[in-house]
Amino acid sequence: MLIKKLRQDVLEAAHALRTYGLVWMAGGTICARDPESGLIAVTPSGMDYSDLSPEDMTVVDLDMKVVEGRYRPSVATNLWTAILRTRPELHAVVHSHSPYATAFSVIDQPVPIVTETQANWFGQPIQVARYAHLEDDHFISAPVDALGDGYAVLLGQHGPITVGETLHHAMERAVTLEEAAKTCFIARGLGDPLVFTPEQAQRSFDYYHNRYGQR
């Protein structure tokens, strides 16, 4: 079985989406690239993850050609591979339907940076890509453009995408984004949330990724 460990990691991340309340039933997608081979493991389309095993994760290349696997990959594999192609330093994409982050996409409003943890992981507000159906011409270009050099984007009227250099980072961002969106929602009920300036957010991001911890 090709990239066995990565397929196991992808399946475990898919289970974690449900554990953290970010998806339900067969929702959400996990996609991760093996830096050495360039092969990509992606969750299959429309299947409940609780019934799957690592070999059920589909392996594709960057051109979406199925290399190994019995099931069709995520229907949005064209978007996931486009993100990985545009951002070669990244190796993981996580898509969820987490309710608070999705609520911001429904009102077409970016998620501002309101907590230091959020600043640590994103360094900039999370933008909304205009709504696109899977068959629309701008289905790929809109979210790729809205993502830019950031680490998350909200698909219009759909849900968030987070990315990372590793699958762990992309998952951490998925959870952090939902918690930040929830915190912002609660804070707005109490008053006007304080929002990080671009300089504050970038300083926090730089510190966390370059000087924090056992470095």
C-alpha atoms as a PDB file:
ATOM      1  CA  MET A   1       0.000   0.000   0.000  1.00  0.00           C
ATOM      2  CA  LEU A   2       1.425   3.374  -1.037  1.00  0.00           C
ATOM      3  CA  ILE A   3       2.104   6.066   1.608  1.00  0.00           C
ATOM      4  CA  LYS A   4       0.584   3.838   4.298  1.00  0.00           C
ATOM      5  CA  LYS A   5       1.471   6.082   7.257  1.00  0.00           C
ATOM      6  CA  LEU A   6       0.067   9.190   5.590  1.00  0.00           C
ATOM      7  CA  ARG A   7      -3.186   7.412   4.750  1.00  0.00           C
ATOM      8  CA  GLN A   8      -3.491   6.404   8.400  1.00  0.00           C
ATOM      9  CA  ASP A   9      -2.863  10.008   9.450  1.00  0.00           C
ATOM     10  CA  VAL A  10      -5.495  11.283   7.017  1.00  0.00           C
ATOM     11  CA  LEU A  11      -8.090   8.862   8.380  1.00  0.00           C
ATOM     12  CA  GLU A  12      -7.273   9.791  11.977  1.00  0.00           C
ATOM     13  CA  ALA A  13      -7.606  13.475  11.108  1.00  0.00           C
ATOM     14  CA  ALA A  14     -10.986  12.758   9.507  1.00  0.00           C
ATOM     15  CA  HIS A  15     -12.142  11.147  12.755  1.00  0.00           C
ATOM     16  CA  ALA A  16     -10.793  14.157  14.680  1.00  0.00           C
ATOM     17  CA  LEU A  17     -13.026  16.482  12.645  1.00  0.00           C
ATOM     18  CA  ARG A  18     -16.045  14.781  14.169  1.00  0.00           C
ATOM     19  CA  THR A  19     -14.440  14.588  17.626  1.00  0.00           C
ATOM     20  CA  TYR A  20     -14.032  18.378  17.637  1.00  0.00           C
ATOM     21  CA  GLY A  21     -17.552  18.934  16.312  1.00  0.00           C
ATOM     22  CA  LEU A  22     -16.366  20.390  13.010  1.00  0.00           C
ATOM     23  CA  VAL A  23     -18.350  18.016  10.751  1.00  0.00           C
ATOM     24  CA  TRP A  24     -21.145  15.472  10.923  1.00  0.00           C
ATOM     25  CA  MET A  25     -22.007  12.329   8.963  1.00  0.00           C
ATOM     26  CA  ALA A  26     -19.872  12.199   5.780  1.00  0.00           C
ATOM     27  CA  GLY A  27     -19.002  15.914   5.769  1.00  0.00           C
ATOM     28  CA  GLY A  28     -15.590  17.499   5.466  1.00  0.00           C
ATOM     29  CA  THR A  29     -12.378  16.532   3.721  1.00  0.00           C
ATOM     30  CA  ILE A  30      -8.802  15.748   4.695  1.00  0.00           C
ATOM     31  CA  CYS A  31      -6.054  15.962   2.086  1.00  0.00           C
ATOM     32  CA  ALA A  32      -2.309  15.578   2.683  1.00  0.00           C
ATOM     33  CA  ARG A  33       0.728  15.393   0.416  1.00  0.00           C
ATOM     34  CA  ASP A  34       3.776  13.218   0.994  1.00  0.00           C
ATOM     35  CA  PRO A  35       6.748  15.613   0.590  1.00  0.00           C
ATOM     36  CA  GLU A  36       9.046  12.867  -0.716  1.00  0.00           C
ATOM     37  CA  SER A  37       6.905  11.228  -3.391  1.00  0.00           C
ATOM     38  CA  GLY A  38       4.548  14.107  -4.054  1.00  0.00           C
ATOM     39  CA  LEU A  39       1.600  11.705  -3.803  1.00  0.00           C
ATOM     40  CA  ILE A  40      -1.548  12.941  -2.099  1.00  0.00           C
ATOM     41  CA  ALA A  41      -3.851  11.001   0.241  1.00  0.00           C
ATOM     42  CA  VAL A  42      -7.429  12.275   0.275  1.00  0.00           C
ATOM     43  CA  THR A  43     -10.625  11.111   1.910  1.00  0.00           C
ATOM     44  CA  PRO A  44     -13.114   9.435  -0.476  1.00  0.00           C
ATOM     45  CA  SER A  45     -16.234  11.205  -1.663  1.00  0.00           C
ATOM     46  CA  GLY A  46     -19.446  10.963   0.359  1.00  0.00           C
ATOM     47  CA  MET A  47     -18.459   8.200   2.763  1.00  0.00           C
ATOM     48  CA  ASP A  48     -18.846   8.022   6.545  1.00  0.00           C
ATOM     49  CA  TYR A  49     -15.325   7.926   7.969  1.00  0.00           C
ATOM     50  CA  SER A  50     -16.314   5.603  10.811  1.00  0.00           C
ATOM     51  CA  ASP A  51     -16.666   2.751   8.306  1.00  0.00           C
ATOM     52  CA  LEU A  52     -13.319   3.276   6.569  1.00  0.00           C
ATOM     53  CA  SER A  53      -9.768   1.965   6.938  1.00  0.00           C
ATOM     54  CA  PRO A  54      -6.451   3.545   5.847  1.00  0.00           C
ATOM     55  CA  GLU A  55      -6.448   1.676   2.534  1.00  0.00           C
ATOM     56  CA  ASP A  56      -9.798   3.304   1.748  1.00  0.00           C
ATOM     57  CA  MET A  57      -8.081   6.690   1.503  1.00  0.00           C
ATOM     58  CA  THR A  58      -7.541   7.484  -2.169  1.00  0.00           C
ATOM     59  CA  VAL A  59      -4.066   8.292  -3.481  1.00  0.00           C
ATOM     60  CA  VAL A  60      -3.804  10.809  -6.321  1.00  0.00           C
ATOM     61  CA  ASP A  61      -1.032  12.806  -7.920  1.00  0.00           C
ATOM     62  CA  LEU A  62      -0.962  16.578  -8.297  1.00  0.00           C
ATOM     63  CA  ASP A  63      -2.812  16.248 -11.620  1.00  0.00           C
ATOM     64  CA  MET A  64      -5.670  14.401  -9.864  1.00  0.00           C
ATOM     65  CA  LYS A  65      -4.838  11.065 -11.461  1.00  0.00           C
ATOM     66  CA  VAL A  66      -5.884   8.225  -9.136  1.00  0.00           C
ATOM     67  CA  VAL A  67      -2.757   6.211  -8.354  1.00  0.00           C
ATOM     68  CA  GLU A  68      -4.223   3.814  -5.809  1.00  0.00           C
ATOM     69  CA  GLY A  69      -7.554   3.311  -4.078  1.00  0.00           C
ATOM     70  CA  ARG A  70     -10.897   1.656  -4.577  1.00  0.00           C
ATOM     71  CA  TYR A  71     -13.044   4.777  -4.152  1.00  0.00           C
ATOM     72  CA  ARG A  72     -13.468   8.087  -5.918  1.00  0.00           C
ATOM     73  CA  PRO A  73     -11.644  10.897  -4.108  1.00  0.00           C
ATOM     74  CA  SER A  74     -13.321  14.000  -2.720  1.00  0.00           C
ATOM     75  CA  VAL A  75     -15.403  15.751  -5.370  1.00  0.00           C
ATOM     76  CA  ALA A  76     -13.392  18.928  -4.726  1.00  0.00           C
ATOM     77  CA  THR A  77     -10.001  17.302  -5.302  1.00  0.00           C
ATOM     78  CA  ASN A  78      -9.455  19.811  -8.107  1.00  0.00           C
ATOM     79  CA  LEU A  79      -9.547  22.581  -5.481  1.00  0.00           C
ATOM     80  CA  TRP A  80      -7.332  20.791  -2.960  1.00  0.00           C
ATOM     81  CA  THR A  81      -4.673  20.046  -5.580  1.00  0.00           C
ATOM     82  CA  ALA A  82      -4.888  23.612  -6.903  1.00  0.00           C
ATOM     83  CA  ILE A  83      -4.111  24.919  -3.425  1.00  0.00           C
ATOM     84  CA  LEU A  84      -1.159  22.546  -3.048  1.00  0.00           C
ATOM     85  CA  ARG A  85       0.091  23.448  -6.516  1.00  0.00           C
ATOM     86  CA  THR A  86      -0.162  27.181  -5.802  1.00  0.00           C
ATOM     87  CA  ARG A  87       1.431  26.888  -2.367  1.00  0.00           C
ATOM     88  CA  PRO A  88       4.222  24.273  -2.695  1.00  0.00           C
ATOM     89  CA  GLU A  89       5.409  24.940   0.862  1.00  0.00           C
ATOM     90  CA  LEU A  90       2.123  23.525   2.172  1.00  0.00           C
ATOM     91  CA  HIS A  91       1.342  19.821   2.410  1.00  0.00           C
ATOM     92  CA  ALA A  92      -2.114  19.584   4.012  1.00  0.00           C
ATOM     93  CA  VAL A  93      -5.641  20.871   3.470  1.00  0.00           C
ATOM     94  CA  VAL A  94      -8.535  20.479   5.913  1.00  0.00           C
ATOM     95  CA  HIS A  95     -12.110  21.356   5.005  1.00  0.00           C
ATOM     96  CA  SER A  96     -14.883  21.361   7.581  1.00  0.00           C
ATOM     97  CA  HIS A  97     -18.403  22.665   8.085  1.00  0.00           C
ATOM     98  CA  SER A  98     -17.824  24.057  11.575  1.00  0.00           C
ATOM     99  CA  PRO A  99     -20.892  26.175  12.431  1.00  0.00           C
ATOM    100  CA  TYR A 100     -19.422  29.404  13.804  1.00  0.00           C
ATOM    101  CA  ALA A 101     -16.842  29.811  11.055  1.00  0.00           C
ATOM    102  CA  THR A 102     -19.459  28.860   8.471  1.00  0.00           C
ATOM    103  CA  ALA A 103     -21.774  31.542   9.897  1.00  0.00           C
ATOM    104  CA  PHE A 104     -19.223  34.184   8.892  1.00  0.00           C
ATOM    105  CA  SER A 105     -19.215  32.798   5.344  1.00  0.00           C
ATOM    106  CA  VAL A 106     -23.014  33.018   5.264  1.00  0.00           C
ATOM    107  CA  ILE A 107     -22.947  36.759   6.029  1.00  0.00           C
ATOM    108  CA  ASP A 108     -19.932  37.244   3.713  1.00  0.00           C
ATOM    109  CA  GLN A 109     -17.793  38.662   6.518  1.00  0.00           C
ATOM    110  CA  PRO A 110     -14.128  37.872   7.243  1.00  0.00           C
ATOM    111  CA  VAL A 111     -13.257  36.441  10.644  1.00  0.00           C
ATOM    112  CA  PRO A 112     -11.203  39.164  12.356  1.00  0.00           C
ATOM    113  CA  ILE A 113      -8.198  38.401  14.525  1.00  0.00           C
ATOM    114  CA  VAL A 114      -9.593  38.723  18.046  1.00  0.00           C
ATOM    115  CA  THR A 115      -7.413  36.374  20.133  1.00  0.00           C
ATOM    116  CA  GLU A 116      -3.678  35.881  20.436  1.00  0.00           C
ATOM    117  CA  THR A 117      -4.013  32.151  19.720  1.00  0.00           C
ATOM    118  CA  GLN A 118      -5.772  33.003  16.490  1.00  0.00           C
ATOM    119  CA  ALA A 119      -3.037  35.529  15.641  1.00  0.00           C
ATOM    120  CA  ASN A 120      -0.403  32.873  16.368  1.00  0.00           C
ATOM    121  CA  TRP A 121      -1.850  30.501  13.795  1.00  0.00           C
ATOM    122  CA  PHE A 122      -3.096  32.879  11.091  1.00  0.00           C
ATOM    123  CA  GLY A 123      -1.414  36.286  11.315  1.00  0.00           C
ATOM    124  CA  GLN A 124      -4.208  37.890   9.300  1.00  0.00           C
ATOM    125  CA  PRO A 125      -8.036  37.889   9.080  1.00  0.00           C
ATOM    126  CA  ILE A 126      -9.685  34.943   7.345  1.00  0.00           C
ATOM    127  CA  GLN A 127     -11.272  36.105   4.105  1.00  0.00           C
ATOM    128  CA  VAL A 128     -14.428  34.854   2.383  1.00  0.00           C
ATOM    129  CA  ALA A 129     -14.356  33.542  -1.180  1.00  0.00           C
ATOM    130  CA  ARG A 130     -17.487  34.288  -3.173  1.00  0.00           C
ATOM    131  CA  TYR A 131     -19.938  31.412  -3.431  1.00  0.00           C
ATOM    132  CA  ALA A 132     -19.248  28.894  -6.186  1.00  0.00           C
ATOM    133  CA  HIS A 133     -20.903  25.646  -7.150  1.00  0.00           C
ATOM    134  CA  LEU A 134     -18.601  22.733  -7.942  1.00  0.00           C
ATOM    135  CA  GLU A 135     -19.346  23.214 -11.643  1.00  0.00           C
ATOM    136  CA  ASP A 136     -18.818  27.003 -11.717  1.00  0.00           C
ATOM    137  CA  ASP A 137     -15.841  28.407 -13.599  1.00  0.00           C
ATOM    138  CA  HIS A 138     -14.589  30.230 -10.507  1.00  0.00           C
ATOM    139  CA  PHE A 139     -14.924  27.264  -8.127  1.00  0.00           C
ATOM    140  CA  ILE A 140     -11.127  26.931  -7.971  1.00  0.00           C
ATOM    141  CA  SER A 141      -9.949  30.480  -8.626  1.00  0.00           C
ATOM    142  CA  ALA A 142     -12.156  32.242  -6.060  1.00  0.00           C
ATOM    143  CA  PRO A 143     -10.928  30.392  -2.943  1.00  0.00           C
ATOM    144  CA  VAL A 144      -7.316  30.182  -4.174  1.00  0.00           C
ATOM    145  CA  ASP A 145      -7.292  33.945  -4.728  1.00  0.00           C
ATOM    146  CA  ALA A 146      -9.009  34.667  -1.394  1.00  0.00           C
ATOM    147  CA  LEU A 147      -6.547  32.393   0.425  1.00  0.00           C
ATOM    148  CA  GLY A 148      -3.551  34.204  -1.055  1.00  0.00           C
ATOM    149  CA  ASP A 149      -0.567  33.752   1.240  1.00  0.00           C
ATOM    150  CA  GLY A 150      -2.790  33.073   4.255  1.00  0.00           C
ATOM    151  CA  TYR A 151      -3.612  29.870   6.089  1.00  0.00           C
ATOM    152  CA  ALA A 152      -7.402  29.737   5.902  1.00  0.00           C
ATOM    153  CA  VAL A 153     -10.281  30.814   3.711  1.00  0.00           C
ATOM    154  CA  LEU A 154     -14.044  30.595   4.035  1.00  0.00           C
ATOM    155  CA  LEU A 155     -15.897  29.123   1.083  1.00  0.00           C
ATOM    156  CA  GLY A 156     -18.890  31.381   0.547  1.00  0.00           C
ATOM    157  CA  GLN A 157     -22.045  29.923   2.125  1.00  0.00           C
ATOM    158  CA  HIS A 158     -20.263  26.642   2.702  1.00  0.00           C
ATOM    159  CA  GLY A 159     -17.469  26.357   5.252  1.00  0.00           C
ATOM    160  CA  PRO A 160     -13.798  26.854   6.093  1.00  0.00           C
ATOM    161  CA  ILE A 161     -10.602  25.542   4.578  1.00  0.00           C
ATOM    162  CA  THR A 162      -7.390  25.552   6.597  1.00  0.00           C
ATOM    163  CA  VAL A 163      -3.935  24.670   5.339  1.00  0.00           C
ATOM    164  CA  GLY A 164      -0.554  23.876   6.810  1.00  0.00           C
ATOM    165  CA  GLU A 165       2.975  22.707   6.279  1.00  0.00           C
ATOM    166  CA  THR A 166       1.867  19.533   8.068  1.00  0.00           C
ATOM    167  CA  LEU A 167      -1.446  17.823   8.648  1.00  0.00           C
ATOM    168  CA  HIS A 168      -1.147  18.617  12.353  1.00  0.00           C
ATOM    169  CA  HIS A 169      -0.835  22.332  11.586  1.00  0.00           C
ATOM    170  CA  ALA A 170      -3.822  22.317   9.244  1.00  0.00           C
ATOM    171  CA  MET A 171      -5.928  20.518  11.878  1.00  0.00           C
ATOM    172  CA  GLU A 172      -4.775  22.875  14.629  1.00  0.00           C
ATOM    173  CA  ARG A 173      -5.854  25.772  12.460  1.00  0.00           C
ATOM    174  CA  ALA A 174      -9.267  24.200  11.790  1.00  0.00           C
ATOM    175  CA  VAL A 175      -9.956  23.920  15.518  1.00  0.00           C
ATOM    176  CA  THR A 176      -8.474  27.351  16.309  1.00  0.00           C
ATOM    177  CA  LEU A 177     -10.534  29.043  13.594  1.00  0.00           C
ATOM    178  CA  GLU A 178     -13.787  27.609  14.900  1.00  0.00           C
ATOM    179  CA  GLU A 179     -12.961  28.620  18.482  1.00  0.00           C
ATOM    180  CA  ALA A 180     -12.010  32.126  17.350  1.00  0.00           C
ATOM    181  CA  ALA A 181     -15.218  32.522  15.330  1.00  0.00           C
ATOM    182  CA  LYS A 182     -17.223  31.343  18.339  1.00  0.00           C
ATOM    183  CA  THR A 183     -15.380  33.725  20.680  1.00  0.00           C
ATOM    184  CA  CYS A 184     -15.991  36.631  18.305  1.00  0.00           C
ATOM    185  CA  PHE A 185     -19.683  35.751  18.106  1.00  0.00           C
ATOM    186  CA  ILE A 186     -20.013  35.681  21.908  1.00  0.00           C
ATOM    187  CA  ALA A 187     -17.998  38.884  22.335  1.00  0.00           C
ATOM    188  CA  ARG A 188     -20.238  40.759  19.907  1.00  0.00           C
ATOM    189  CA  GLY A 189     -23.161  39.951  22.170  1.00  0.00           C
ATOM    190  CA  LEU A 190     -21.330  41.728  25.001  1.00  0.00           C
ATOM    191  CA  GLY A 191     -19.990  44.695  23.056  1.00  0.00           C
ATOM    192  CA  ASP A 192     -17.476  45.577  20.361  1.00  0.00           C
ATOM    193  CA  PRO A 193     -14.590  43.063  20.297  1.00  0.00           C
ATOM    194  CA  LEU A 194     -11.060  44.415  20.296  1.00  0.00           C
ATOM    195  CA  VAL A 195      -9.374  43.434  17.044  1.00  0.00           C
ATOM    196  CA  PHE A 196      -5.644  42.930  16.486  1.00  0.00           C
ATOM    197  CA  THR A 197      -3.992  45.432  14.177  1.00  0.00           C
ATOM    198  CA  PRO A 198      -2.166  43.923  11.171  1.00  0.00           C
ATOM    199  CA  GLU A 199       1.141  44.683  12.892  1.00  0.00           C
ATOM    200  CA  GLN A 200       0.073  43.034  16.162  1.00  0.00           C
ATOM    201  CA  ALA A 201      -1.232  39.950  14.363  1.00  0.00           C
ATOM    202  CA  GLN A 202       1.900  39.533  12.267  1.00  0.00           C
ATOM    203  CA  ARG A 203       4.190  40.053  15.276  1.00  0.00           C
ATOM    204  CA  SER A 204       2.337  37.343  17.198  1.00  0.00           C
ATOM    205  CA  PHE A 205       2.483  34.982  14.212  1.00  0.00           C
ATOM    206  CA  ASP A 206       6.201  35.565  13.705  1.00  0.00           C
ATOM    207  CA  TYR A 207       7.007  35.042  17.380  1.00  0.00           C
ATOM    208  CA  TYR A 208       4.949  31.845  17.642  1.00  0.00           C
ATOM    209  CA  HIS A 209       6.498  30.242  14.567  1.00  0.00           C
ATOM    210  CA  ASN A 210      10.083  31.389  15.014  1.00  0.00           C
ATOM    211  CA  ARG A 211      10.856  31.870  18.704  1.00  0.00           C
ATOM    212  CA  TYR A 212       8.182  30.121  20.802  1.00  0.00           C
ATOM    213  CA  GLY A 213       8.670  26.719  22.411  1.00  0.00           C
ATOM    214  CA  GLN A 214      11.832  24.606  22.302  1.00  0.00           C
ATOM    215  CA  ARG A 215      13.628  26.584  19.622  1.00  0.00           C
END
